[in-house]
Protein backbone atom coordinates (compact mmCIF):
# COMPACT_ATOMS: atom_id res chain seq x y z
CA MET A 1 9.43 -37.94 -5.27
CA ALA A 2 11.09 -41.34 -5.58
CA ALA A 3 12.72 -42.02 -8.91
CA LYS A 4 14.97 -44.63 -10.48
CA LEU A 5 18.68 -44.14 -9.83
CA ASN A 6 21.19 -45.70 -12.24
CA VAL A 7 24.63 -46.23 -10.72
CA TYR A 8 27.42 -47.14 -13.12
CA ASN A 9 30.90 -48.45 -12.40
CA LEU A 10 30.04 -49.31 -8.78
CA GLY A 11 32.58 -51.79 -7.48
CA LYS A 12 34.13 -52.40 -10.88
CA LEU A 13 37.65 -52.11 -9.47
CA GLY A 14 36.91 -54.10 -6.31
CA VAL A 15 37.81 -53.33 -2.70
CA ASN A 16 40.85 -51.20 -1.86
CA VAL A 17 41.84 -51.25 1.82
CA ASP A 18 45.06 -49.25 1.36
CA LYS A 19 43.57 -45.85 0.45
CA ASP A 20 41.36 -43.40 2.28
CA GLN A 21 38.19 -42.00 0.75
CA THR A 22 39.84 -39.01 -0.91
CA HIS A 23 42.26 -41.19 -2.86
CA LEU A 24 39.89 -43.90 -4.15
CA GLU A 25 39.51 -44.26 -7.90
CA ASP A 26 36.06 -44.33 -9.47
CA GLY A 27 34.81 -47.89 -9.15
CA GLU A 28 36.74 -48.77 -5.98
CA LEU A 29 35.03 -49.64 -2.69
CA LEU A 30 36.36 -49.22 0.84
CA LYS A 31 34.39 -52.22 2.13
CA ALA A 32 32.20 -54.93 0.63
CA GLN A 33 31.24 -58.35 1.93
CA ASN A 34 30.85 -61.26 -0.47
CA ALA A 35 30.62 -58.85 -3.40
CA VAL A 36 32.11 -59.79 -6.77
CA ARG A 37 31.95 -58.30 -10.24
CA ASP A 38 28.98 -59.65 -12.17
CA PRO A 39 30.29 -62.56 -14.30
CA LEU A 40 27.57 -61.89 -16.89
CA GLY A 41 29.65 -58.98 -18.10
CA VAL A 42 27.42 -56.12 -16.98
CA ASP A 43 29.67 -53.07 -16.93
CA GLY A 44 30.26 -52.10 -13.34
CA GLY A 45 27.68 -54.51 -11.99
CA ILE A 46 28.31 -56.37 -8.73
CA ARG A 47 26.52 -59.31 -7.17
CA LYS A 48 26.72 -61.53 -4.12
CA ARG A 49 29.55 -64.01 -4.27
CA ALA A 50 28.29 -67.48 -5.13
CA GLY A 51 28.69 -70.02 -2.30
CA LEU A 52 27.34 -73.09 -0.60
CA LEU A 53 23.89 -72.84 0.91
CA LYS A 54 24.56 -75.49 3.56
CA ILE A 55 26.41 -78.68 4.36
CA ASN A 56 24.12 -81.70 4.37
CA SER A 57 25.04 -85.15 5.61
CA ILE A 58 22.43 -86.75 3.36
CA ALA A 59 24.02 -87.53 0.02
CA ALA A 60 20.75 -87.21 -1.90
CA ALA A 61 20.07 -83.75 -0.49
CA GLY A 62 23.43 -82.19 -1.17
CA SER A 63 26.69 -82.99 -2.93
CA VAL A 64 28.87 -81.53 -0.20
CA GLN A 65 28.83 -83.56 3.01
CA GLY A 66 31.74 -82.00 4.85
CA PHE A 67 34.80 -79.79 4.61
CA VAL A 68 38.25 -79.51 6.03
CA PRO A 69 40.19 -76.27 6.55
CA VAL A 70 43.11 -75.90 4.15
CA PRO A 71 45.62 -73.24 5.30
CA LEU A 72 46.88 -70.86 2.67
CA ALA A 73 50.62 -70.49 2.40
CA LYS A 74 51.82 -67.22 3.89
CA PRO A 75 54.36 -65.11 2.02
CA THR A 76 57.79 -66.19 3.16
CA THR A 77 60.07 -63.97 1.07
CA ARG A 78 59.97 -60.30 0.18
CA ARG A 79 62.53 -59.88 -2.57
CA PHE A 80 63.57 -56.30 -3.30
CA ILE A 81 65.19 -55.69 -6.64
CA PHE A 82 67.20 -52.57 -7.44
CA GLY A 83 68.79 -51.93 -10.83
CA ARG A 84 72.54 -51.37 -10.99
CA TYR A 85 74.53 -49.81 -13.79
CA THR A 86 78.15 -49.49 -14.87
CA ASN A 87 77.90 -48.67 -18.56
CA ASP A 88 75.65 -49.29 -21.54
CA THR A 89 76.74 -52.91 -21.86
CA SER A 90 77.05 -53.66 -18.16
CA SER A 91 73.96 -53.48 -15.99
CA GLY A 92 72.28 -55.86 -13.57
CA TRP A 93 70.54 -56.04 -10.21
CA ASN A 94 70.97 -55.71 -6.46
CA THR A 95 68.59 -58.13 -4.70
CA SER A 96 67.74 -58.24 -1.00
CA THR A 97 65.50 -60.64 0.92
CA ASP A 98 66.00 -59.09 4.38
CA GLY A 99 65.05 -55.47 3.75
CA TRP A 100 68.63 -54.38 3.00
CA THR A 101 69.80 -55.31 6.51
CA THR A 102 72.75 -57.23 5.10
CA SER A 103 74.58 -57.10 1.80
CA PRO A 104 72.37 -57.98 -1.17
CA THR A 105 73.25 -60.39 -3.90
CA THR A 106 73.88 -59.18 -7.43
CA GLY A 107 71.42 -61.63 -8.95
CA GLY A 108 67.92 -60.77 -10.05
CA PRO A 109 65.55 -61.78 -12.82
CA ASP A 110 66.69 -64.89 -14.58
CA THR A 111 65.58 -66.25 -17.92
CA PHE A 112 66.62 -68.82 -20.47
CA ASP A 113 69.35 -66.37 -21.41
CA ALA A 114 70.22 -64.66 -18.14
CA THR A 115 72.53 -62.12 -19.77
CA ASN A 116 69.50 -60.35 -21.30
CA ALA A 117 67.43 -59.99 -18.10
CA VAL A 118 68.97 -56.65 -17.10
CA PRO A 119 67.55 -53.11 -16.75
CA ARG A 120 67.69 -50.51 -19.49
CA ALA A 121 70.94 -48.53 -19.22
CA PRO A 122 70.57 -44.76 -18.69
CA THR A 123 73.02 -44.03 -21.51
CA LYS A 124 70.35 -45.06 -23.99
CA ILE A 125 68.67 -41.72 -23.37
CA TRP A 126 71.40 -39.54 -21.85
CA THR A 127 73.23 -38.97 -25.10
CA SER A 128 70.26 -37.23 -26.71
CA LEU A 129 67.85 -36.03 -24.04
CA ALA A 130 70.51 -34.24 -22.00
CA ASP A 131 71.85 -30.94 -23.19
CA VAL A 132 75.28 -29.43 -22.46
CA SER A 133 74.77 -29.56 -18.68
CA GLY A 134 75.83 -32.91 -17.25
CA ARG A 135 73.57 -32.27 -14.27
CA GLN A 136 70.60 -33.15 -16.42
CA TYR A 137 71.92 -36.70 -16.75
CA HIS A 138 70.24 -37.92 -13.61
CA HIS A 139 66.85 -37.67 -15.31
CA ALA A 140 66.96 -41.18 -16.67
CA GLY A 141 63.33 -42.12 -16.13
CA ARG A 142 61.60 -44.66 -13.90
CA ALA A 143 61.52 -47.63 -16.23
CA GLY A 144 60.05 -50.27 -13.93
CA VAL A 145 56.82 -50.94 -12.03
CA VAL A 146 55.30 -53.65 -9.80
CA TYR A 147 51.82 -54.79 -10.77
CA ARG A 148 49.92 -57.80 -9.43
CA ASN A 149 53.06 -59.02 -7.69
CA ARG A 150 55.05 -59.08 -10.90
CA PHE A 151 57.90 -56.77 -11.83
CA PHE A 152 57.65 -55.12 -15.25
CA TYR A 153 60.73 -53.29 -16.47
CA ALA A 154 62.43 -51.92 -19.57
CA GLY A 155 65.16 -54.28 -20.72
CA ASN A 156 68.61 -53.52 -22.05
CA ASP A 157 68.67 -56.30 -24.65
CA TYR A 158 68.53 -54.18 -27.79
CA THR A 159 70.63 -51.75 -29.83
CA VAL A 160 69.46 -48.17 -30.23
CA GLY A 161 68.63 -47.46 -33.85
CA THR A 162 68.83 -51.12 -34.84
CA SER A 163 66.40 -53.18 -32.76
CA ALA A 164 63.28 -52.44 -30.73
CA PRO A 165 63.34 -51.74 -26.97
CA THR A 166 61.92 -54.53 -24.82
CA ILE A 167 59.65 -54.80 -21.79
CA HIS A 168 60.33 -57.74 -19.48
CA VAL A 169 58.21 -59.28 -16.72
CA TRP A 170 59.56 -61.23 -13.73
CA ASP A 171 57.39 -63.19 -11.28
CA GLY A 172 60.15 -63.92 -8.79
CA THR A 173 61.29 -67.04 -10.61
CA THR A 174 61.03 -66.65 -14.36
CA ASP A 175 61.81 -63.65 -16.52
CA TYR A 176 60.61 -63.26 -20.10
CA VAL A 177 60.12 -60.58 -22.76
CA LEU A 178 56.50 -59.43 -22.72
CA ALA A 179 56.57 -56.78 -25.46
CA HIS A 180 58.66 -54.91 -28.00
CA ILE A 181 58.12 -51.19 -28.59
CA PRO A 182 56.78 -50.73 -32.14
CA ASP A 183 58.48 -48.43 -34.61
CA ASN A 184 57.58 -44.76 -34.76
CA PRO A 185 56.93 -43.75 -38.37
CA ASP A 186 57.83 -40.13 -37.52
CA ALA A 187 61.30 -40.97 -36.26
CA THR A 188 64.45 -41.21 -38.32
CA GLY A 189 65.03 -44.89 -38.91
CA ALA A 190 61.61 -45.52 -37.28
CA THR A 191 63.04 -47.59 -34.39
CA SER A 192 62.30 -46.38 -30.87
CA SER A 193 65.26 -45.59 -28.60
CA ALA A 194 64.09 -46.28 -25.02
CA VAL A 195 61.29 -46.62 -22.50
CA LEU A 196 61.34 -43.60 -20.19
CA CYS A 197 58.80 -43.98 -17.37
CA MET A 198 56.20 -46.55 -16.31
CA ILE A 199 53.24 -46.50 -13.90
CA ALA A 200 50.50 -49.00 -12.97
CA ALA A 201 46.93 -47.67 -12.88
CA ASN A 202 43.43 -48.41 -14.19
CA GLN A 203 44.25 -52.15 -14.35
CA ARG A 204 46.87 -51.36 -16.96
CA ILE A 205 50.48 -50.25 -17.23
CA TYR A 206 51.21 -46.92 -18.87
CA LEU A 207 54.59 -45.93 -20.29
CA THR A 208 56.33 -43.21 -22.24
CA THR A 209 58.95 -43.77 -24.92
CA TYR A 210 61.76 -41.71 -26.36
CA ASP A 211 61.90 -42.44 -30.07
CA GLY A 212 65.10 -40.74 -31.07
CA GLY A 213 66.09 -37.32 -32.32
CA LEU A 214 68.05 -34.46 -30.80
CA TYR A 215 66.95 -31.33 -28.97
CA SER A 216 69.72 -29.40 -30.69
CA THR A 217 68.00 -29.99 -34.04
CA ASN A 218 64.38 -30.07 -32.78
CA THR A 219 63.89 -33.62 -33.98
CA VAL A 220 62.91 -35.44 -30.76
CA LYS A 221 60.00 -37.89 -31.05
CA ALA A 222 58.04 -39.68 -28.32
CA ARG A 223 54.83 -41.59 -27.54
CA VAL A 224 52.63 -42.81 -24.67
CA PHE A 225 51.39 -46.41 -24.57
CA GLU A 226 48.93 -48.51 -22.60
CA LEU A 227 50.27 -52.02 -21.90
CA ASN A 228 48.11 -55.09 -21.24
CA SER A 229 50.04 -56.96 -18.54
CA GLU A 230 48.63 -60.35 -19.54
CA ASN A 231 49.22 -60.50 -23.28
CA GLY A 232 51.74 -57.71 -23.88
CA ALA A 233 49.45 -55.77 -26.23
CA LEU A 234 50.54 -52.15 -26.64
CA VAL A 235 48.04 -49.45 -27.60
CA GLN A 236 49.29 -45.97 -28.46
CA LEU A 237 47.37 -43.25 -26.65
CA GLY A 238 46.56 -40.19 -28.73
CA SER A 239 48.91 -38.43 -31.09
CA ARG A 240 52.65 -38.91 -31.22
CA PHE A 241 54.74 -36.23 -29.52
CA PRO A 242 55.68 -33.47 -30.12
CA ILE A 243 52.16 -32.23 -30.75
CA SER A 244 52.02 -29.29 -33.19
CA PRO A 245 53.04 -26.52 -32.98
CA ASP A 246 55.73 -27.80 -30.59
CA ALA A 247 58.94 -29.12 -32.09
CA ALA A 248 60.69 -30.97 -29.26
CA ARG A 249 58.86 -32.04 -26.13
CA VAL A 250 58.92 -35.47 -24.50
CA PRO A 251 56.04 -36.70 -22.28
CA TYR A 252 58.18 -37.65 -19.29
CA GLY A 253 56.26 -37.76 -15.99
CA LEU A 254 53.08 -39.83 -15.73
CA ALA A 255 50.18 -39.94 -13.26
CA TRP A 256 46.67 -41.37 -12.99
CA HIS A 257 44.31 -38.71 -11.65
CA MET A 258 40.56 -38.08 -11.94
CA GLY A 259 40.14 -41.09 -14.22
CA ARG A 260 42.69 -39.70 -16.68
CA ILE A 261 46.30 -40.35 -17.62
CA TRP A 262 48.36 -37.17 -17.26
CA VAL A 263 51.73 -36.35 -18.80
CA GLY A 264 54.09 -33.43 -18.40
CA THR A 265 56.67 -32.51 -20.97
CA TYR A 266 60.40 -32.61 -20.46
CA THR A 267 62.52 -30.34 -22.65
CA GLY A 268 66.15 -29.83 -23.47
CA GLY A 269 66.14 -26.32 -22.05
CA ILE A 270 65.57 -25.94 -18.33
CA SER A 271 63.66 -22.65 -18.63
CA ALA A 272 61.54 -23.73 -21.59
CA THR A 273 57.80 -23.72 -20.88
CA GLY A 274 56.51 -27.19 -20.16
CA LYS A 275 53.03 -28.36 -21.04
CA THR A 276 50.53 -30.58 -19.24
CA TYR A 277 48.24 -32.92 -21.15
CA PHE A 278 45.57 -35.46 -20.19
CA LEU A 279 43.66 -38.26 -21.91
CA ARG A 280 40.83 -40.57 -20.82
CA PRO A 281 41.73 -44.05 -22.11
CA GLY A 282 38.90 -45.64 -24.02
CA ILE A 283 37.07 -42.31 -24.31
CA ASP A 284 39.37 -39.68 -25.78
CA SER A 285 41.02 -40.12 -29.15
CA ASP A 286 43.69 -37.50 -28.51
CA TRP A 287 45.43 -35.48 -25.82
CA THR A 288 43.88 -32.39 -24.26
CA LEU A 289 46.29 -29.54 -23.52
CA ASP A 290 45.55 -28.51 -19.93
CA ASN A 291 48.14 -25.90 -18.99
CA THR A 292 50.95 -23.82 -20.48
CA GLY A 293 50.96 -21.01 -17.92
CA ALA A 294 53.87 -19.01 -16.59
CA GLY A 295 56.07 -20.98 -14.22
CA ASN A 296 55.19 -24.23 -15.93
CA THR A 297 58.81 -25.26 -16.52
CA THR A 298 60.19 -28.69 -17.35
CA MET A 299 58.47 -31.39 -15.28
CA GLY A 300 59.98 -34.47 -13.69
CA ASN A 301 57.17 -36.17 -11.79
CA PHE A 302 53.43 -36.14 -10.98
CA PHE A 303 51.34 -37.46 -8.09
CA SER A 304 47.68 -37.35 -7.08
CA PHE A 305 47.10 -36.30 -3.46
CA GLN A 306 43.88 -35.35 -1.66
CA GLY A 307 42.03 -34.95 -4.95
CA GLN A 308 44.60 -32.60 -6.46
CA LEU A 309 47.49 -33.16 -8.86
CA TYR A 310 51.00 -32.23 -7.66
CA ILE A 311 53.83 -31.65 -10.12
CA ALA A 312 57.59 -31.67 -9.45
CA HIS A 313 59.50 -29.12 -11.52
CA LEU A 314 63.10 -28.42 -12.49
CA SER A 315 64.62 -24.95 -12.27
CA ASP A 316 67.67 -23.03 -13.44
CA ALA A 317 70.44 -21.36 -11.47
CA LEU A 318 68.40 -18.24 -10.76
CA SER A 319 65.67 -19.61 -8.51
CA GLY A 320 64.56 -22.55 -6.39
CA ALA A 321 62.58 -25.36 -7.97
CA ILE A 322 58.87 -25.60 -7.23
CA VAL A 323 56.07 -28.08 -6.66
CA ARG A 324 52.92 -26.92 -8.40
CA VAL A 325 49.38 -28.12 -7.76
CA ARG A 326 46.36 -28.40 -10.00
CA SER A 327 43.13 -27.88 -8.06
CA THR A 328 39.97 -29.89 -8.63
CA LEU A 329 38.70 -26.88 -10.62
CA GLY A 330 41.72 -26.90 -12.94
CA ALA A 331 43.58 -23.92 -11.50
CA TYR A 332 47.38 -24.16 -11.21
CA SER A 333 49.38 -22.58 -8.40
CA THR A 334 52.69 -23.00 -6.56
CA SER A 335 52.46 -25.19 -3.47
CA LYS A 336 56.15 -25.23 -2.46
CA THR A 337 59.28 -23.32 -3.48
CA ALA A 338 62.65 -24.65 -2.32
CA ALA A 339 64.46 -22.12 -0.09
CA LEU A 340 68.19 -21.67 0.51
CA ASN A 341 67.50 -21.58 4.25
CA GLU A 342 64.66 -23.77 5.51
CA GLY A 343 65.49 -23.05 9.15
CA GLY A 344 66.30 -25.32 12.05
CA ALA A 345 69.03 -27.90 11.48
CA VAL A 346 68.54 -28.02 7.69
CA PRO A 347 71.88 -27.19 5.97
CA ILE A 348 71.87 -23.75 4.35
CA MET A 349 72.67 -23.60 0.64
CA ALA A 350 74.69 -20.72 -0.80
CA ASP A 351 72.86 -20.53 -4.13
CA PHE A 352 70.70 -22.45 -6.58
CA GLY A 353 72.58 -24.48 -9.18
CA ALA A 354 71.45 -25.34 -12.68
CA TYR A 355 68.88 -28.12 -12.71
CA ASN A 356 68.06 -27.90 -9.02
CA HIS A 357 64.82 -29.81 -8.89
CA PHE A 358 62.10 -31.74 -7.13
CA GLY A 359 62.27 -35.41 -8.10
CA ALA A 360 60.50 -38.34 -6.44
CA LEU A 361 56.93 -37.83 -5.20
CA ALA A 362 54.99 -40.29 -3.05
CA VAL A 363 51.95 -40.44 -0.78
CA PHE A 364 52.73 -42.17 2.51
CA ASN A 365 50.72 -42.34 5.74
CA GLY A 366 48.35 -39.63 4.58
CA ALA A 367 51.03 -37.13 3.53
CA LEU A 368 52.83 -36.16 0.32
CA TYR A 369 56.63 -36.57 0.26
CA ALA A 370 58.85 -34.77 -2.28
CA ALA A 371 62.60 -35.26 -2.83
CA TYR A 372 64.74 -32.23 -3.72
CA PHE A 373 68.30 -31.89 -5.03
CA ASN A 374 70.63 -28.93 -5.62
CA GLN A 375 74.28 -28.69 -6.61
CA ILE A 376 75.47 -25.15 -5.93
CA ALA A 377 77.94 -23.19 -8.06
CA ALA A 378 80.87 -24.24 -5.84
CA GLY A 379 80.00 -27.88 -6.46
CA THR A 380 78.59 -28.86 -3.06
CA ARG A 381 75.62 -31.23 -3.29
CA TYR A 382 72.48 -30.97 -1.15
CA ALA A 383 69.48 -33.26 -0.83
CA ARG A 384 66.24 -32.89 1.08
CA VAL A 385 62.93 -34.67 1.51
CA TYR A 386 59.91 -32.47 2.21
CA LYS A 387 56.60 -33.59 3.74
CA PHE A 388 53.23 -31.98 3.03
CA ASP A 389 50.22 -32.82 5.23
CA GLY A 390 47.75 -30.93 3.06
CA THR A 391 48.40 -27.64 4.86
CA THR A 392 52.06 -27.25 5.80
CA TRP A 393 55.37 -28.23 4.20
CA THR A 394 58.17 -29.40 6.53
CA THR A 395 61.68 -30.71 5.86
CA VAL A 396 62.00 -34.25 7.25
CA TYR A 397 65.28 -35.50 5.76
CA PHE A 398 68.41 -33.45 5.09
CA PRO A 399 71.90 -35.02 4.98
CA ALA A 400 74.90 -32.72 5.24
CA GLY A 401 76.25 -31.07 2.12
CA ASP A 402 78.33 -33.50 0.02
CA ALA A 403 77.35 -36.44 2.25
CA ASP A 404 77.09 -39.77 0.46
CA ALA A 405 73.30 -39.53 0.73
CA ALA A 406 73.22 -36.01 -0.76
CA VAL A 407 72.13 -37.24 -4.19
CA PRO A 408 69.04 -36.78 -6.36
CA TYR A 409 66.28 -39.24 -5.50
CA HIS A 410 64.15 -39.70 -8.56
CA GLY A 411 62.00 -42.71 -7.67
CA ALA A 412 59.78 -43.75 -4.74
CA PHE A 413 58.02 -46.95 -3.71
CA VAL A 414 55.72 -47.78 -0.77
CA HIS A 415 55.39 -51.29 0.64
CA ASN A 416 54.40 -52.79 3.97
CA ASN A 417 54.08 -49.32 5.53
CA ILE A 418 57.60 -48.31 4.50
CA LEU A 419 58.50 -45.54 2.07
CA TYR A 420 61.56 -46.15 -0.13
CA MET A 421 63.35 -43.58 -2.31
CA TRP A 422 66.23 -44.36 -4.61
CA SER A 423 68.87 -42.27 -6.31
CA SER A 424 69.51 -41.57 -9.95
CA PRO A 425 72.20 -43.16 -12.10
CA ALA A 426 74.45 -40.08 -11.96
CA TYR A 427 74.15 -36.72 -10.29
CA ASN A 428 76.43 -34.89 -12.68
CA GLY A 429 77.43 -37.35 -15.39
CA ALA A 430 80.57 -38.33 -13.50
CA GLY A 431 79.12 -41.66 -12.39
CA THR A 432 79.99 -41.34 -8.71
CA GLU A 433 78.16 -41.07 -5.37
CA VAL A 434 74.95 -42.42 -6.80
CA ASN A 435 74.25 -45.82 -5.25
CA ARG A 436 71.91 -44.68 -2.50
CA LEU A 437 68.62 -45.97 -1.17
CA ILE A 438 66.78 -44.39 1.78
CA TYR A 439 63.67 -45.58 3.59
CA THR A 440 61.42 -44.70 6.54
CA SER A 441 58.54 -46.26 8.45
CA ASP A 442 57.36 -43.08 10.16
CA GLY A 443 58.48 -40.20 7.91
CA ALA A 444 60.83 -38.87 10.59
CA SER A 445 63.62 -41.42 11.04
CA TRP A 446 65.39 -42.43 7.83
CA THR A 447 67.76 -45.29 7.09
CA GLU A 448 70.42 -44.93 4.40
CA VAL A 449 71.62 -47.85 2.30
CA GLY A 450 74.71 -47.29 0.23
CA SER A 451 77.93 -49.09 0.92
CA ILE A 452 76.36 -52.54 0.53
CA LEU A 453 74.96 -51.76 -2.93
CA ASP A 454 76.87 -53.00 -5.93
CA ASN A 455 77.72 -50.47 -8.64
CA PHE A 456 75.52 -47.53 -9.56
CA SER A 457 71.77 -47.37 -9.46
CA ALA A 458 69.68 -47.72 -12.59
CA ALA A 459 66.13 -46.57 -13.29
CA SER A 460 64.28 -49.61 -11.87
CA PHE A 461 63.18 -50.63 -8.39
CA GLY A 462 60.60 -53.23 -7.37
CA LEU A 463 59.45 -55.91 -4.96
CA ILE A 464 58.17 -59.45 -5.42
CA VAL A 465 56.48 -61.39 -2.59
CA THR A 466 56.63 -65.20 -2.74
């Protein structure tokens, strides 16, 4: 029997031609002709785009009597921007307009006071979030994101414990401060210490903050915010971390999945049990604890793939790091465990070092890519990139041990059918062998960029098209 069907949220997020059906968000369409969001403000409503009925040569019968084609300017410059870092008071940018074919310039975002338009230095979090193992230092966050062809990043123009961290925005020409992180009333001195990670999703930017404290004294504080990219308004999501009864857990990795913002905790102890939380912005008032099961160690990254949530984990010196997956039904299981010997031409590792881990995650050409890093007991460094097609994991990138490209890749970015991964600010706290960028157009052949980069990499990478 026919009945009325109410459909909500249809087309609210417009047309997305870059994703397949399994990766669309609620409210996105694969195809729509002359459809626009209803300007009357009906939630989720769409209507036919308004337009001219006809062109009439009689002035009294129509106000439009002719038209002339006006070509739209095509993008002429793709400007990549890659943070560089020397020390807490010396950071800046590598900028390339030819896809890193030739040496980049060291310029980047400019503002009325160019000395302030620089990325947040990793040392603003290293000194407290890292424990006694220097190998944890490379977990310096991903404090930058591209949204609507603008680059949003955590600035370095503040003093920890004295002034508030900043968020800058750069449109390819002008850089300005969009927001300041508000004080945390739970933290000693109240002032936040640093922005950790940022993602763009749900027509907003989401970010995590580290608000001071030490793991050694169980005093670490942190929060998650939603940022309005137009006016800089910051809205805290849910409770401040740590959430009782925990004493010291930072919401580090972020992902948008199933209409929710997900966070995984990062702890000072590598074997400490991590926790996964989610929240539906605008619906939930607080975080929902989703998983604390065995094997749920410290987490470094999240990514949604084929309707499931994949999580990159850190491990200790006793076992290989893992990638876990949360099914659509909420069950957690191990999808991939790093092996000492992956077979074929992949270099064999002698053992697993402390803080061997999976870092960057990205979906590219219908597959999930995961970066892995291990520094064995003897000191040799190994890096790999794994590919998962939904059924099988394969190793697609594997430089030789101690090669310049054998570094931890903690960030990934996809543009113009090319996957980019970039290295962390330091693989062991020594500040060497870190300025690496790799990219691929097919997932099989990889190009390494290193010698032309200036200084060490920071936690920001983006692209502006003009």
